[in-house]
N, C-alpha and C. Protein backbone atom coordinates (compact mmCIF):
# COMPACT_ATOMS: atom_id res chain seq x y z
N MET A 1 -18.90 -40.77 -30.28
CA MET A 1 -17.93 -40.18 -29.14
C MET A 1 -18.29 -41.19 -27.96
N GLU A 2 -19.61 -41.98 -27.80
CA GLU A 2 -19.58 -42.89 -26.42
C GLU A 2 -18.51 -44.05 -26.84
N SER A 3 -18.51 -44.52 -27.82
CA SER A 3 -17.02 -45.51 -27.50
C SER A 3 -16.15 -45.18 -27.95
N ASN A 4 -15.58 -43.94 -27.74
CA ASN A 4 -14.50 -43.27 -27.64
C ASN A 4 -14.20 -43.15 -25.83
N LYS A 5 -15.02 -42.63 -25.33
CA LYS A 5 -15.34 -42.58 -23.89
C LYS A 5 -15.04 -44.33 -23.35
N LYS A 6 -15.61 -45.18 -23.75
CA LYS A 6 -15.68 -46.45 -23.69
C LYS A 6 -13.98 -47.06 -23.77
N LEU A 7 -13.73 -46.80 -24.81
CA LEU A 7 -11.85 -47.11 -25.17
C LEU A 7 -10.98 -46.56 -24.08
N ASN A 8 -11.32 -45.20 -23.93
CA ASN A 8 -10.34 -44.23 -22.86
C ASN A 8 -10.28 -44.90 -21.43
N ASP A 9 -11.47 -45.27 -21.09
CA ASP A 9 -11.58 -46.10 -19.84
C ASP A 9 -11.28 -47.45 -20.01
N LEU A 10 -11.10 -48.07 -21.33
CA LEU A 10 -10.59 -49.60 -21.03
C LEU A 10 -8.85 -49.19 -21.00
N ILE A 11 -8.33 -48.63 -21.48
CA ILE A 11 -7.31 -48.09 -21.72
C ILE A 11 -6.85 -47.67 -20.38
N ILE A 12 -7.15 -46.36 -19.69
CA ILE A 12 -6.81 -46.60 -18.21
C ILE A 12 -6.78 -47.40 -17.73
N ASN A 13 -7.62 -48.45 -17.57
CA ASN A 13 -7.74 -49.72 -16.39
C ASN A 13 -6.73 -50.54 -17.03
N LEU A 14 -6.28 -50.80 -18.30
CA LEU A 14 -4.78 -51.49 -18.93
C LEU A 14 -3.54 -51.07 -18.07
N LYS A 15 -3.48 -49.46 -18.11
CA LYS A 15 -2.40 -49.18 -17.92
C LYS A 15 -1.48 -49.46 -16.65
N PRO A 16 -2.29 -49.43 -15.73
CA PRO A 16 -1.30 -50.20 -14.26
C PRO A 16 -0.86 -51.76 -14.56
N LYS A 17 -1.61 -52.34 -15.38
CA LYS A 17 -1.05 -53.90 -15.60
C LYS A 17 0.26 -53.52 -17.11
N VAL A 18 0.01 -52.93 -17.67
CA VAL A 18 1.32 -52.31 -18.61
C VAL A 18 2.14 -52.16 -17.94
N ILE A 19 2.27 -51.14 -16.97
CA ILE A 19 3.48 -50.26 -16.08
C ILE A 19 3.65 -51.89 -15.27
N ARG A 20 3.11 -52.44 -14.93
CA ARG A 20 3.67 -53.49 -14.16
C ARG A 20 3.98 -54.81 -15.03
N PHE A 21 4.20 -54.81 -15.87
CA PHE A 21 4.84 -55.72 -16.72
C PHE A 21 6.31 -55.10 -17.11
N THR A 22 6.22 -53.82 -17.67
CA THR A 22 7.58 -53.37 -17.94
C THR A 22 8.21 -53.18 -16.70
N GLY A 23 7.59 -53.12 -15.64
CA GLY A 23 8.33 -52.45 -14.53
C GLY A 23 9.34 -53.88 -13.94
N GLU A 24 9.16 -54.57 -14.13
CA GLU A 24 9.84 -55.94 -14.09
C GLU A 24 10.65 -56.54 -15.39
N LYS A 25 11.66 -57.66 -15.44
CA LYS A 25 12.22 -57.91 -16.27
C LYS A 25 11.15 -58.69 -17.36
N PHE A 26 10.73 -57.87 -18.35
CA PHE A 26 9.91 -58.16 -19.39
C PHE A 26 10.26 -59.52 -20.00
N PRO A 27 10.03 -61.00 -20.58
CA PRO A 27 10.50 -61.49 -21.72
C PRO A 27 10.23 -60.99 -23.23
N ASN A 28 11.40 -60.89 -23.38
CA ASN A 28 11.64 -59.60 -25.18
C ASN A 28 10.71 -60.57 -25.67
N GLU A 29 10.59 -61.74 -26.02
CA GLU A 29 9.45 -62.90 -26.86
C GLU A 29 8.64 -62.31 -26.85
N LEU A 30 8.08 -62.23 -25.67
CA LEU A 30 6.27 -62.01 -25.37
C LEU A 30 6.06 -60.76 -25.63
N TRP A 31 7.09 -59.75 -25.61
CA TRP A 31 6.83 -58.27 -25.62
C TRP A 31 6.84 -58.55 -27.49
N ASN A 32 7.49 -58.62 -27.97
CA ASN A 32 7.89 -58.73 -29.33
C ASN A 32 6.33 -59.20 -30.04
N SER A 33 6.12 -60.44 -29.49
CA SER A 33 4.79 -61.07 -30.03
C SER A 33 3.57 -60.39 -29.66
N GLY A 34 3.42 -59.92 -28.55
CA GLY A 34 2.64 -58.44 -28.26
C GLY A 34 2.15 -57.63 -29.35
N CYS A 35 3.38 -57.13 -30.06
CA CYS A 35 3.51 -55.85 -30.80
C CYS A 35 2.85 -56.29 -31.97
N GLN A 36 3.52 -57.25 -32.28
CA GLN A 36 3.28 -58.04 -33.63
C GLN A 36 1.89 -58.51 -33.52
N ILE A 37 1.14 -58.87 -32.85
CA ILE A 37 -0.35 -58.97 -32.39
C ILE A 37 -0.96 -57.72 -32.79
N LYS A 38 -0.67 -56.66 -32.18
CA LYS A 38 -1.36 -55.64 -32.72
C LYS A 38 -1.32 -55.17 -33.71
N LYS A 39 0.07 -54.93 -34.52
CA LYS A 39 0.10 -54.83 -35.88
C LYS A 39 -0.95 -55.67 -36.56
N ASN A 40 -1.07 -56.53 -36.30
CA ASN A 40 -1.74 -57.50 -37.38
C ASN A 40 -3.10 -56.78 -37.17
N LYS A 41 -3.54 -56.56 -35.93
CA LYS A 41 -5.33 -56.45 -35.58
C LYS A 41 -5.76 -54.92 -36.40
N ASN A 42 -4.41 -54.32 -36.46
CA ASN A 42 -4.40 -53.08 -36.97
C ASN A 42 -4.49 -52.98 -38.58
N ILE A 43 -3.76 -53.69 -39.24
CA ILE A 43 -3.87 -54.08 -40.64
C ILE A 43 -5.75 -54.49 -40.99
N ALA A 44 -5.82 -55.78 -39.99
CA ALA A 44 -7.20 -55.98 -40.32
C ALA A 44 -8.14 -55.56 -40.32
N SER A 45 -8.36 -54.20 -39.61
CA SER A 45 -9.12 -53.02 -39.33
C SER A 45 -8.61 -52.15 -40.21
């Protein structure tokens, strides 16, 4: 449970940055590479 709370805090802290990025014209190449990295991490773990 403690690790979940830390993870939630991390997500809450990161959200404004994500919104700031997506609010402007975000390069599709950068966005797609970010999604690929997330998918690869999920498979690895």
